[in-house]
């Protein structure tokens, strides 16, 4: 945890990565921090503390998050995160936070109220379950037919296609918001996605080609932007 000078109304930043290696290399942390600080810049909220967690999103035991929440209650502060999945990957966890009465904001959905954040979390969890179930069923059918499963096999291709569609659905609100703000070109959208710390399916940064592919998946009309 790192404290900063108090300014304006209180807010507390929470960052999370999943592995010790990511924590040591700061992979993902810098992007999260930049997204949060950019969001707070010029706003009515002032950062009073930052907490960093190196833990899987599947685990409910988060010492740093617990400290952040206690400080939020004590200082009547809002918890700010870069992306909703930095808090948790299941809707039950998000519901628990809402019941504790701590205000929180996800930078990727800046205009969403707690109810909408709950809806986003529920949709993401449902999508993950569907993809997992379809992938498992596909693997079982392939094994039954004697198909040899490998990293570059047909099953992996179908799984990647499902993940790509899920990503497009998840990013559709963000794309609409970016375009509404006047950033309608591929390069402008690319820059904004990278600024927000949103990663591609492979965990990398966005380029014109990958943005074009994303836009085609989100909406055929959006895909015509150049």
C-alpha atoms as a PDB file:
ATOM      1  CA  UNK A   1       0.000   0.000   0.000  1.00  0.00           C
ATOM      2  CA  UNK A   2       1.237   3.484  -0.865  1.00  0.00           C
ATOM      3  CA  UNK A   3      -0.320   6.637   0.517  1.00  0.00           C
ATOM      4  CA  UNK A   4      -0.492   9.911  -1.372  1.00  0.00           C
ATOM      5  CA  UNK A   5      -1.330  13.454  -0.437  1.00  0.00           C
ATOM      6  CA  UNK A   6      -5.003  13.976   0.324  1.00  0.00           C
ATOM      7  CA  UNK A   7      -6.813  16.189  -2.152  1.00  0.00           C
ATOM      8  CA  UNK A   8     -10.475  16.924  -2.941  1.00  0.00           C
ATOM      9  CA  UNK A   9     -12.917  14.129  -2.080  1.00  0.00           C
ATOM     10  CA  UNK A  10     -11.392  10.814  -1.059  1.00  0.00           C
ATOM     11  CA  UNK A  11     -10.795   7.810  -3.241  1.00  0.00           C
ATOM     12  CA  UNK A  12      -8.635   4.688  -2.898  1.00  0.00           C
ATOM     13  CA  UNK A  13      -7.045   2.870  -5.840  1.00  0.00           C
ATOM     14  CA  UNK A  14      -6.795  -0.931  -5.989  1.00  0.00           C
ATOM     15  CA  UNK A  15      -4.613  -2.787  -8.504  1.00  0.00           C
ATOM     16  CA  UNK A  16      -4.323  -6.570  -8.928  1.00  0.00           C
ATOM     17  CA  UNK A  17      -2.245  -8.990 -10.982  1.00  0.00           C
ATOM     18  CA  UNK A  18      -2.462 -12.761 -10.834  1.00  0.00           C
ATOM     19  CA  UNK A  19       1.126 -13.970 -10.435  1.00  0.00           C
ATOM     20  CA  UNK A  20       4.302 -13.088  -8.578  1.00  0.00           C
ATOM     21  CA  UNK A  21       6.127 -12.881 -11.906  1.00  0.00           C
ATOM     22  CA  UNK A  22       3.676 -10.240 -13.118  1.00  0.00           C
ATOM     23  CA  UNK A  23       4.088  -8.415  -9.826  1.00  0.00           C
ATOM     24  CA  UNK A  24       7.886  -8.354 -10.099  1.00  0.00           C
ATOM     25  CA  UNK A  25       7.834  -7.233 -13.719  1.00  0.00           C
ATOM     26  CA  UNK A  26       4.946  -4.805 -13.053  1.00  0.00           C
ATOM     27  CA  UNK A  27       3.270  -6.339 -16.122  1.00  0.00           C
ATOM     28  CA  UNK A  28      -0.264  -4.964 -16.114  1.00  0.00           C
ATOM     29  CA  UNK A  29       0.201  -2.851 -12.979  1.00  0.00           C
ATOM     30  CA  UNK A  30       1.446   0.212 -14.801  1.00  0.00           C
ATOM     31  CA  UNK A  31      -1.448   0.075 -17.259  1.00  0.00           C
ATOM     32  CA  UNK A  32      -3.959  -0.213 -14.411  1.00  0.00           C
ATOM     33  CA  UNK A  33      -2.379   2.661 -12.537  1.00  0.00           C
ATOM     34  CA  UNK A  34      -2.290   4.864 -15.628  1.00  0.00           C
ATOM     35  CA  UNK A  35      -5.966   4.173 -16.345  1.00  0.00           C
ATOM     36  CA  UNK A  36      -6.959   5.086 -12.775  1.00  0.00           C
ATOM     37  CA  UNK A  37      -4.803   8.223 -12.599  1.00  0.00           C
ATOM     38  CA  UNK A  38      -5.993   9.410 -16.014  1.00  0.00           C
ATOM     39  CA  UNK A  39      -9.582   8.924 -14.874  1.00  0.00           C
ATOM     40  CA  UNK A  40      -9.047  10.897 -11.666  1.00  0.00           C
ATOM     41  CA  UNK A  41      -7.160  13.728 -13.346  1.00  0.00           C
ATOM     42  CA  UNK A  42      -9.243  16.868 -13.252  1.00  0.00           C
ATOM     43  CA  UNK A  43     -12.118  15.143 -11.444  1.00  0.00           C
ATOM     44  CA  UNK A  44     -13.611  15.816  -8.063  1.00  0.00           C
ATOM     45  CA  UNK A  45     -11.927  12.797  -6.464  1.00  0.00           C
ATOM     46  CA  UNK A  46      -8.500  12.945  -4.837  1.00  0.00           C
ATOM     47  CA  UNK A  47      -6.329   9.854  -4.404  1.00  0.00           C
ATOM     48  CA  UNK A  48      -5.461   9.176  -0.751  1.00  0.00           C
ATOM     49  CA  UNK A  49      -4.000   5.654  -1.035  1.00  0.00           C
ATOM     50  CA  UNK A  50      -3.069   2.883  -3.464  1.00  0.00           C
ATOM     51  CA  UNK A  51      -3.146  -0.858  -2.759  1.00  0.00           C
ATOM     52  CA  UNK A  52      -1.557  -3.545  -4.940  1.00  0.00           C
ATOM     53  CA  UNK A  53      -2.488  -7.233  -4.740  1.00  0.00           C
ATOM     54  CA  UNK A  54      -0.684 -10.180  -6.335  1.00  0.00           C
ATOM     55  CA  UNK A  55      -3.368 -12.830  -6.234  1.00  0.00           C
ATOM     56  CA  UNK A  56      -5.700 -14.816  -8.483  1.00  0.00           C
ATOM     57  CA  UNK A  57      -9.108 -13.304  -9.180  1.00  0.00           C
ATOM     58  CA  UNK A  58     -10.676 -16.630  -8.190  1.00  0.00           C
ATOM     59  CA  UNK A  59      -9.568 -16.291  -4.562  1.00  0.00           C
ATOM     60  CA  UNK A  60     -11.756 -14.441  -2.072  1.00  0.00           C
ATOM     61  CA  UNK A  61      -8.952 -13.963   0.471  1.00  0.00           C
ATOM     62  CA  UNK A  62      -7.377 -10.630  -0.482  1.00  0.00           C
ATOM     63  CA  UNK A  63      -5.484  -8.896   2.360  1.00  0.00           C
ATOM     64  CA  UNK A  64      -4.705  -5.770   0.332  1.00  0.00           C
ATOM     65  CA  UNK A  65      -8.276  -5.435  -0.891  1.00  0.00           C
ATOM     66  CA  UNK A  66      -9.537  -5.861   2.664  1.00  0.00           C
ATOM     67  CA  UNK A  67      -7.273  -3.025   3.826  1.00  0.00           C
ATOM     68  CA  UNK A  68      -8.441  -0.868   0.936  1.00  0.00           C
ATOM     69  CA  UNK A  69     -12.096  -1.484   1.815  1.00  0.00           C
ATOM     70  CA  UNK A  70     -11.524  -0.697   5.492  1.00  0.00           C
ATOM     71  CA  UNK A  71      -9.852   2.585   4.555  1.00  0.00           C
ATOM     72  CA  UNK A  72     -12.754   3.408   2.230  1.00  0.00           C
ATOM     73  CA  UNK A  73     -15.202   2.924   5.099  1.00  0.00           C
ATOM     74  CA  UNK A  74     -13.066   4.923   7.518  1.00  0.00           C
ATOM     75  CA  UNK A  75     -12.406   7.827   5.155  1.00  0.00           C
ATOM     76  CA  UNK A  76     -15.777   7.692   3.359  1.00  0.00           C
ATOM     77  CA  UNK A  77     -13.812   7.079   0.170  1.00  0.00           C
ATOM     78  CA  UNK A  78     -14.631   5.462  -3.148  1.00  0.00           C
ATOM     79  CA  UNK A  79     -12.695   2.406  -4.336  1.00  0.00           C
ATOM     80  CA  UNK A  80     -11.398   2.910  -7.891  1.00  0.00           C
ATOM     81  CA  UNK A  81     -10.238   0.059 -10.136  1.00  0.00           C
ATOM     82  CA  UNK A  82      -9.104   0.005 -13.753  1.00  0.00           C
ATOM     83  CA  UNK A  83     -11.251  -2.965 -14.785  1.00  0.00           C
ATOM     84  CA  UNK A  84     -14.076  -4.823 -13.097  1.00  0.00           C
ATOM     85  CA  UNK A  85     -12.233  -8.153 -13.274  1.00  0.00           C
ATOM     86  CA  UNK A  86      -9.445  -6.686 -11.105  1.00  0.00           C
ATOM     87  CA  UNK A  87     -11.901  -6.992  -8.210  1.00  0.00           C
ATOM     88  CA  UNK A  88     -13.135 -10.491  -8.932  1.00  0.00           C
ATOM     89  CA  UNK A  89     -14.205 -12.928 -11.612  1.00  0.00           C
ATOM     90  CA  UNK A  90     -17.537 -13.866 -10.043  1.00  0.00           C
ATOM     91  CA  UNK A  91     -20.706 -11.905  -9.387  1.00  0.00           C
ATOM     92  CA  UNK A  92     -21.025 -13.200  -5.807  1.00  0.00           C
ATOM     93  CA  UNK A  93     -17.859 -11.358  -4.829  1.00  0.00           C
ATOM     94  CA  UNK A  94     -19.116  -8.127  -6.397  1.00  0.00           C
ATOM     95  CA  UNK A  95     -22.444  -8.521  -4.595  1.00  0.00           C
ATOM     96  CA  UNK A  96     -20.586  -8.878  -1.298  1.00  0.00           C
ATOM     97  CA  UNK A  97     -18.805  -5.583  -1.879  1.00  0.00           C
ATOM     98  CA  UNK A  98     -22.089  -3.853  -2.638  1.00  0.00           C
ATOM     99  CA  UNK A  99     -23.601  -5.189   0.585  1.00  0.00           C
ATOM    100  CA  UNK A 100     -20.700  -3.722   2.575  1.00  0.00           C
ATOM    101  CA  UNK A 101     -21.739  -0.286   1.415  1.00  0.00           C
ATOM    102  CA  UNK A 102     -18.408   0.699  -0.120  1.00  0.00           C
ATOM    103  CA  UNK A 103     -18.693   2.902  -3.194  1.00  0.00           C
ATOM    104  CA  UNK A 104     -16.598   1.629  -6.080  1.00  0.00           C
ATOM    105  CA  UNK A 105     -15.965   2.631  -9.672  1.00  0.00           C
ATOM    106  CA  UNK A 106     -14.502   0.700 -12.612  1.00  0.00           C
ATOM    107  CA  UNK A 107     -12.699   3.022 -15.037  1.00  0.00           C
ATOM    108  CA  UNK A 108     -13.703   0.848 -18.017  1.00  0.00           C
ATOM    109  CA  UNK A 109     -17.361   1.664 -17.189  1.00  0.00           C
ATOM    110  CA  UNK A 110     -17.061   5.230 -15.847  1.00  0.00           C
ATOM    111  CA  UNK A 111     -20.763   6.039 -16.083  1.00  0.00           C
ATOM    112  CA  UNK A 112     -22.062   2.759 -14.663  1.00  0.00           C
ATOM    113  CA  UNK A 113     -23.801   2.787 -11.286  1.00  0.00           C
ATOM    114  CA  UNK A 114     -23.407  -0.150  -8.822  1.00  0.00           C
ATOM    115  CA  UNK A 115     -26.411  -1.930 -10.343  1.00  0.00           C
ATOM    116  CA  UNK A 116     -24.939  -1.774 -13.849  1.00  0.00           C
ATOM    117  CA  UNK A 117     -21.553  -2.964 -12.573  1.00  0.00           C
ATOM    118  CA  UNK A 118     -23.362  -5.911 -10.999  1.00  0.00           C
ATOM    119  CA  UNK A 119     -25.026  -6.631 -14.350  1.00  0.00           C
ATOM    120  CA  UNK A 120     -21.673  -6.458 -16.181  1.00  0.00           C
ATOM    121  CA  UNK A 121     -20.145  -8.865 -13.659  1.00  0.00           C
ATOM    122  CA  UNK A 122     -23.070 -11.286 -14.018  1.00  0.00           C
ATOM    123  CA  UNK A 123     -22.863 -11.233 -17.817  1.00  0.00           C
ATOM    124  CA  UNK A 124     -19.108 -11.808 -17.778  1.00  0.00           C
ATOM    125  CA  UNK A 125     -19.439 -14.733 -15.376  1.00  0.00           C
ATOM    126  CA  UNK A 126     -22.230 -16.271 -17.466  1.00  0.00           C
ATOM    127  CA  UNK A 127     -20.160 -15.906 -20.636  1.00  0.00           C
ATOM    128  CA  UNK A 128     -17.159 -17.604 -19.025  1.00  0.00           C
ATOM    129  CA  UNK A 129     -19.324 -20.526 -17.936  1.00  0.00           C
ATOM    130  CA  UNK A 130     -20.803 -20.936 -21.417  1.00  0.00           C
ATOM    131  CA  UNK A 131     -17.367 -20.882 -23.055  1.00  0.00           C
ATOM    132  CA  UNK A 132     -16.025 -23.379 -20.518  1.00  0.00           C
ATOM    133  CA  UNK A 133     -18.997 -25.712 -21.004  1.00  0.00           C
ATOM    134  CA  UNK A 134     -18.799 -25.544 -24.803  1.00  0.00           C
ATOM    135  CA  UNK A 135     -15.057 -26.145 -24.778  1.00  0.00           C
ATOM    136  CA  UNK A 136     -15.375 -29.126 -22.440  1.00  0.00           C
ATOM    137  CA  UNK A 137     -18.194 -30.632 -24.496  1.00  0.00           C
ATOM    138  CA  UNK A 138     -16.206 -30.138 -27.700  1.00  0.00           C
ATOM    139  CA  UNK A 139     -13.163 -31.843 -26.226  1.00  0.00           C
ATOM    140  CA  UNK A 140     -15.227 -34.809 -25.086  1.00  0.00           C
ATOM    141  CA  UNK A 141     -16.861 -35.216 -28.511  1.00  0.00           C
ATOM    142  CA  UNK A 142     -13.491 -34.962 -30.223  1.00  0.00           C
ATOM    143  CA  UNK A 143     -11.969 -37.586 -27.942  1.00  0.00           C
ATOM    144  CA  UNK A 144     -14.900 -39.890 -28.619  1.00  0.00           C
ATOM    145  CA  UNK A 145     -14.249 -39.568 -32.373  1.00  0.00           C
ATOM    146  CA  UNK A 146     -10.563 -40.264 -31.876  1.00  0.00           C
ATOM    147  CA  UNK A 147      -9.484 -36.729 -32.794  1.00  0.00           C
ATOM    148  CA  UNK A 148      -5.952 -35.893 -31.736  1.00  0.00           C
ATOM    149  CA  UNK A 149      -6.073 -32.755 -29.618  1.00  0.00           C
ATOM    150  CA  UNK A 150      -3.189 -30.326 -29.816  1.00  0.00           C
ATOM    151  CA  UNK A 151      -2.347 -26.695 -29.290  1.00  0.00           C
ATOM    152  CA  UNK A 152      -3.013 -25.853 -32.918  1.00  0.00           C
ATOM    153  CA  UNK A 153      -5.933 -28.231 -33.455  1.00  0.00           C
ATOM    154  CA  UNK A 154      -9.524 -27.559 -34.458  1.00  0.00           C
ATOM    155  CA  UNK A 155     -10.770 -27.563 -30.864  1.00  0.00           C
ATOM    156  CA  UNK A 156      -8.399 -24.760 -29.930  1.00  0.00           C
ATOM    157  CA  UNK A 157      -9.529 -22.778 -32.954  1.00  0.00           C
ATOM    158  CA  UNK A 158     -13.178 -23.045 -31.921  1.00  0.00           C
ATOM    159  CA  UNK A 159     -12.278 -22.078 -28.354  1.00  0.00           C
ATOM    160  CA  UNK A 160     -10.377 -19.017 -29.577  1.00  0.00           C
ATOM    161  CA  UNK A 161     -13.309 -18.038 -31.777  1.00  0.00           C
ATOM    162  CA  UNK A 162     -15.656 -18.226 -28.796  1.00  0.00           C
ATOM    163  CA  UNK A 163     -13.263 -16.129 -26.713  1.00  0.00           C
ATOM    164  CA  UNK A 164     -13.031 -13.548 -29.488  1.00  0.00           C
ATOM    165  CA  UNK A 165     -16.810 -13.246 -29.680  1.00  0.00           C
ATOM    166  CA  UNK A 166     -17.026 -12.914 -25.897  1.00  0.00           C
ATOM    167  CA  UNK A 167     -14.396 -10.173 -25.934  1.00  0.00           C
ATOM    168  CA  UNK A 168     -16.267  -8.282 -28.647  1.00  0.00           C
ATOM    169  CA  UNK A 169     -19.485  -8.399 -26.630  1.00  0.00           C
ATOM    170  CA  UNK A 170     -17.687  -7.268 -23.485  1.00  0.00           C
ATOM    171  CA  UNK A 171     -15.956  -4.345 -25.243  1.00  0.00           C
ATOM    172  CA  UNK A 172     -18.984  -3.140 -27.212  1.00  0.00           C
ATOM    173  CA  UNK A 173     -20.018  -0.563 -24.530  1.00  0.00           C
ATOM    174  CA  UNK A 174     -16.450   0.754 -24.316  1.00  0.00           C
ATOM    175  CA  UNK A 175     -16.202   1.090 -28.119  1.00  0.00           C
ATOM    176  CA  UNK A 176     -19.525   2.958 -28.235  1.00  0.00           C
ATOM    177  CA  UNK A 177     -18.335   5.264 -25.457  1.00  0.00           C
ATOM    178  CA  UNK A 178     -15.010   5.954 -27.196  1.00  0.00           C
ATOM    179  CA  UNK A 179     -16.722   6.803 -30.481  1.00  0.00           C
ATOM    180  CA  UNK A 180     -19.260   9.016 -28.717  1.00  0.00           C
ATOM    181  CA  UNK A 181     -16.325  10.975 -27.282  1.00  0.00           C
ATOM    182  CA  UNK A 182     -15.248  11.798 -30.836  1.00  0.00           C
ATOM    183  CA  UNK A 183     -12.561   9.152 -31.266  1.00  0.00           C
ATOM    184  CA  UNK A 184     -13.948   7.407 -34.325  1.00  0.00           C
ATOM    185  CA  UNK A 185     -10.912   6.321 -36.325  1.00  0.00           C
ATOM    186  CA  UNK A 186      -9.174   3.008 -35.935  1.00  0.00           C
ATOM    187  CA  UNK A 187      -5.992   4.655 -34.683  1.00  0.00           C
ATOM    188  CA  UNK A 188      -7.887   6.805 -32.178  1.00  0.00           C
ATOM    189  CA  UNK A 189      -9.740   3.761 -30.849  1.00  0.00           C
ATOM    190  CA  UNK A 190      -6.455   1.833 -30.740  1.00  0.00           C
ATOM    191  CA  UNK A 191      -4.798   4.596 -28.693  1.00  0.00           C
ATOM    192  CA  UNK A 192      -7.714   4.793 -26.256  1.00  0.00           C
ATOM    193  CA  UNK A 193      -7.895   1.029 -25.715  1.00  0.00           C
ATOM    194  CA  UNK A 194      -4.165   0.968 -24.974  1.00  0.00           C
ATOM    195  CA  UNK A 195      -4.462   4.017 -22.709  1.00  0.00           C
ATOM    196  CA  UNK A 196      -7.154   2.260 -20.668  1.00  0.00           C
ATOM    197  CA  UNK A 197      -4.953  -0.798 -20.280  1.00  0.00           C
ATOM    198  CA  UNK A 198      -7.380  -3.055 -22.160  1.00  0.00           C
ATOM    199  CA  UNK A 199      -5.473  -5.994 -23.648  1.00  0.00           C
ATOM    200  CA  UNK A 200      -6.000  -8.019 -26.800  1.00  0.00           C
ATOM    201  CA  UNK A 201      -6.998 -11.679 -26.600  1.00  0.00           C
ATOM    202  CA  UNK A 202      -3.313 -12.612 -26.464  1.00  0.00           C
ATOM    203  CA  UNK A 203      -2.645 -10.114 -23.704  1.00  0.00           C
ATOM    204  CA  UNK A 204      -0.797  -7.614 -25.888  1.00  0.00           C
ATOM    205  CA  UNK A 205      -1.330  -4.039 -27.029  1.00  0.00           C
ATOM    206  CA  UNK A 206      -3.697  -3.037 -29.809  1.00  0.00           C
ATOM    207  CA  UNK A 207      -2.618  -2.304 -33.387  1.00  0.00           C
ATOM    208  CA  UNK A 208      -4.702  -1.056 -36.358  1.00  0.00           C
ATOM    209  CA  UNK A 209      -5.203  -4.604 -37.672  1.00  0.00           C
ATOM    210  CA  UNK A 210      -6.358  -6.043 -34.343  1.00  0.00           C
ATOM    211  CA  UNK A 211      -8.678  -3.064 -33.774  1.00  0.00           C
ATOM    212  CA  UNK A 212     -10.206  -3.556 -37.230  1.00  0.00           C
ATOM    213  CA  UNK A 213     -10.841  -7.220 -36.456  1.00  0.00           C
ATOM    214  CA  UNK A 214     -12.432  -6.263 -33.128  1.00  0.00           C
ATOM    215  CA  UNK A 215     -14.659  -3.649 -34.757  1.00  0.00           C
ATOM    216  CA  UNK A 216     -15.870  -6.137 -37.360  1.00  0.00           C
ATOM    217  CA  UNK A 217     -16.873  -8.459 -34.529  1.00  0.00           C
ATOM    218  CA  UNK A 218     -18.530  -5.713 -32.491  1.00  0.00           C
ATOM    219  CA  UNK A 219     -20.551  -4.315 -35.365  1.00  0.00           C
ATOM    220  CA  UNK A 220     -20.281  -4.631 -39.157  1.00  0.00           C
ATOM    221  CA  UNK A 221     -20.770  -0.897 -39.545  1.00  0.00           C
ATOM    222  CA  UNK A 222     -18.022  -0.091 -37.087  1.00  0.00           C
ATOM    223  CA  UNK A 223     -15.728  -2.351 -39.013  1.00  0.00           C
ATOM    224  CA  UNK A 224     -15.830  -0.021 -42.010  1.00  0.00           C
ATOM    225  CA  UNK A 225     -13.943   2.719 -40.129  1.00  0.00           C
ATOM    226  CA  UNK A 226     -10.500   3.511 -41.494  1.00  0.00           C
END
